C-alpha atoms as a PDB file:
ATOM      1  CA  UNK A   1      -5.781  14.256  -5.108  1.00  0.00           C
ATOM      2  CA  UNK A   2      -2.955  15.641  -7.614  1.00  0.00           C
ATOM      3  CA  UNK A   3      -2.434  14.191 -10.718  1.00  0.00           C
ATOM      4  CA  UNK A   4       1.377  14.543 -10.084  1.00  0.00           C
ATOM      5  CA  UNK A   5       2.867  10.800 -10.631  1.00  0.00           C
ATOM      6  CA  UNK A   6       5.731  10.109  -8.905  1.00  0.00           C
ATOM      7  CA  UNK A   7       8.216   7.453  -9.413  1.00  0.00           C
ATOM      8  CA  UNK A   8       9.597   5.552  -6.266  1.00  0.00           C
ATOM      9  CA  UNK A   9      12.151   2.629  -5.401  1.00  0.00           C
ATOM     10  CA  UNK A  10      10.529   0.123  -3.820  1.00  0.00           C
ATOM     11  CA  UNK A  11      10.092  -3.447  -2.839  1.00  0.00           C
ATOM     12  CA  UNK A  12       7.413  -5.135  -4.092  1.00  0.00           C
ATOM     13  CA  UNK A  13       6.155  -8.664  -2.601  1.00  0.00           C
ATOM     14  CA  UNK A  14       4.250 -11.477  -4.156  1.00  0.00           C
ATOM     15  CA  UNK A  15       2.231 -13.853  -1.821  1.00  0.00           C
ATOM     16  CA  UNK A  16      -0.562 -15.953  -1.401  1.00  0.00           C
ATOM     17  CA  UNK A  17      -2.183 -16.176   1.658  1.00  0.00           C
ATOM     18  CA  UNK A  18      -6.150 -17.830   2.722  1.00  0.00           C
ATOM     19  CA  UNK A  19      -8.798 -15.245   3.465  1.00  0.00           C
ATOM     20  CA  UNK A  20     -11.316 -15.984   5.371  1.00  0.00           C
ATOM     21  CA  UNK A  21     -13.718 -17.581   3.296  1.00  0.00           C
ATOM     22  CA  UNK A  22     -10.956 -20.393   2.900  1.00  0.00           C
ATOM     23  CA  UNK A  23     -10.227 -19.105  -0.499  1.00  0.00           C
ATOM     24  CA  UNK A  24      -6.570 -18.297  -1.369  1.00  0.00           C
ATOM     25  CA  UNK A  25      -5.489 -14.675  -2.453  1.00  0.00           C
ATOM     26  CA  UNK A  26      -2.099 -14.244  -4.672  1.00  0.00           C
ATOM     27  CA  UNK A  27      -1.236 -10.537  -4.335  1.00  0.00           C
ATOM     28  CA  UNK A  28       1.513  -8.404  -5.395  1.00  0.00           C
ATOM     29  CA  UNK A  29       1.684  -5.531  -2.764  1.00  0.00           C
ATOM     30  CA  UNK A  30       3.482  -2.400  -1.551  1.00  0.00           C
ATOM     31  CA  UNK A  31       4.156  -2.171   2.415  1.00  0.00           C
ATOM     32  CA  UNK A  32       2.897   1.032   4.061  1.00  0.00           C
ATOM     33  CA  UNK A  33       6.378   2.156   4.848  1.00  0.00           C
ATOM     34  CA  UNK A  34       7.642   1.986   1.220  1.00  0.00           C
ATOM     35  CA  UNK A  35       4.715   4.309   0.367  1.00  0.00           C
ATOM     36  CA  UNK A  36       4.472   8.093  -0.255  1.00  0.00           C
ATOM     37  CA  UNK A  37       3.546   9.343   2.848  1.00  0.00           C
ATOM     38  CA  UNK A  38       0.852  11.525   1.410  1.00  0.00           C
ATOM     39  CA  UNK A  39      -0.742   8.194   0.278  1.00  0.00           C
ATOM     40  CA  UNK A  40      -1.275   7.195   4.083  1.00  0.00           C
ATOM     41  CA  UNK A  41      -3.717   7.584   6.642  1.00  0.00           C
ATOM     42  CA  UNK A  42      -1.640   5.861   9.524  1.00  0.00           C
ATOM     43  CA  UNK A  43      -4.266   5.885  12.387  1.00  0.00           C
ATOM     44  CA  UNK A  44      -7.052   4.474   9.814  1.00  0.00           C
ATOM     45  CA  UNK A  45      -4.484   2.059   8.595  1.00  0.00           C
ATOM     46  CA  UNK A  46      -3.618   1.105  12.082  1.00  0.00           C
ATOM     47  CA  UNK A  47      -7.479   0.754  13.549  1.00  0.00           C
ATOM     48  CA  UNK A  48      -8.498  -1.873  10.393  1.00  0.00           C
ATOM     49  CA  UNK A  49      -4.995  -3.928  11.380  1.00  0.00           C
ATOM     50  CA  UNK A  50      -6.102  -4.040  15.032  1.00  0.00           C
ATOM     51  CA  UNK A  51      -9.414  -5.096  14.159  1.00  0.00           C
ATOM     52  CA  UNK A  52      -8.683  -7.961  11.643  1.00  0.00           C
ATOM     53  CA  UNK A  53      -4.704  -9.138  12.204  1.00  0.00           C
ATOM     54  CA  UNK A  54      -3.903  -8.466   9.169  1.00  0.00           C
ATOM     55  CA  UNK A  55      -1.508  -5.636   7.277  1.00  0.00           C
ATOM     56  CA  UNK A  56      -2.908  -2.954   5.342  1.00  0.00           C
ATOM     57  CA  UNK A  57      -0.864  -2.856   1.956  1.00  0.00           C
ATOM     58  CA  UNK A  58      -1.064  -1.012  -1.928  1.00  0.00           C
ATOM     59  CA  UNK A  59      -2.082  -4.044  -3.885  1.00  0.00           C
ATOM     60  CA  UNK A  60       0.068  -3.157  -7.106  1.00  0.00           C
ATOM     61  CA  UNK A  61      -2.194  -4.618  -9.444  1.00  0.00           C
ATOM     62  CA  UNK A  62      -5.479  -3.057  -8.809  1.00  0.00           C
ATOM     63  CA  UNK A  63      -3.638  -0.046  -7.036  1.00  0.00           C
ATOM     64  CA  UNK A  64      -5.860   0.325  -3.946  1.00  0.00           C
ATOM     65  CA  UNK A  65      -5.490  -0.561  -0.228  1.00  0.00           C
ATOM     66  CA  UNK A  66      -5.955  -4.260   0.673  1.00  0.00           C
ATOM     67  CA  UNK A  67      -4.893  -6.301   3.647  1.00  0.00           C
ATOM     68  CA  UNK A  68      -2.467  -9.202   3.627  1.00  0.00           C
ATOM     69  CA  UNK A  69      -2.885 -12.028   6.635  1.00  0.00           C
ATOM     70  CA  UNK A  70       0.652 -12.922   6.926  1.00  0.00           C
ATOM     71  CA  UNK A  71      -0.698 -15.647   9.502  1.00  0.00           C
ATOM     72  CA  UNK A  72      -2.037 -17.569   6.806  1.00  0.00           C
ATOM     73  CA  UNK A  73       0.397 -17.173   3.922  1.00  0.00           C
ATOM     74  CA  UNK A  74       0.850 -20.395   1.786  1.00  0.00           C
ATOM     75  CA  UNK A  75       4.460 -21.027   0.514  1.00  0.00           C
ATOM     76  CA  UNK A  76       7.217 -18.343   0.439  1.00  0.00           C
ATOM     77  CA  UNK A  77       6.511 -14.612   0.152  1.00  0.00           C
ATOM     78  CA  UNK A  78       9.285 -12.917  -2.661  1.00  0.00           C
ATOM     79  CA  UNK A  79      10.563  -9.454  -2.724  1.00  0.00           C
ATOM     80  CA  UNK A  80      11.693  -7.646  -5.975  1.00  0.00           C
ATOM     81  CA  UNK A  81      13.690  -4.275  -5.850  1.00  0.00           C
ATOM     82  CA  UNK A  82      12.283  -2.129  -8.585  1.00  0.00           C
ATOM     83  CA  UNK A  83      10.304   1.372  -9.597  1.00  0.00           C
ATOM     84  CA  UNK A  84       7.058   1.766  -9.260  1.00  0.00           C
ATOM     85  CA  UNK A  85       4.610   4.749 -10.644  1.00  0.00           C
ATOM     86  CA  UNK A  86       2.278   6.167  -8.403  1.00  0.00           C
END
């Protein structure tokens, strides 16, 4: 993995969804299409999405990939345009 940091203009989404265990999770995330392509294993992400029905996204708080379930969204998902450092 490279130690090079990249500043990229992205849309950061913030939303809450209900997890399978009934708890709510609030997440700030970047969708895959806005990520540097070197970060994304598209076939692995698609396979996981097909299995779970949730979108694979990059959680900006923990800086890791997670899943966001659009089918159980609570309230509104907001979007903010900003520069993010990868």
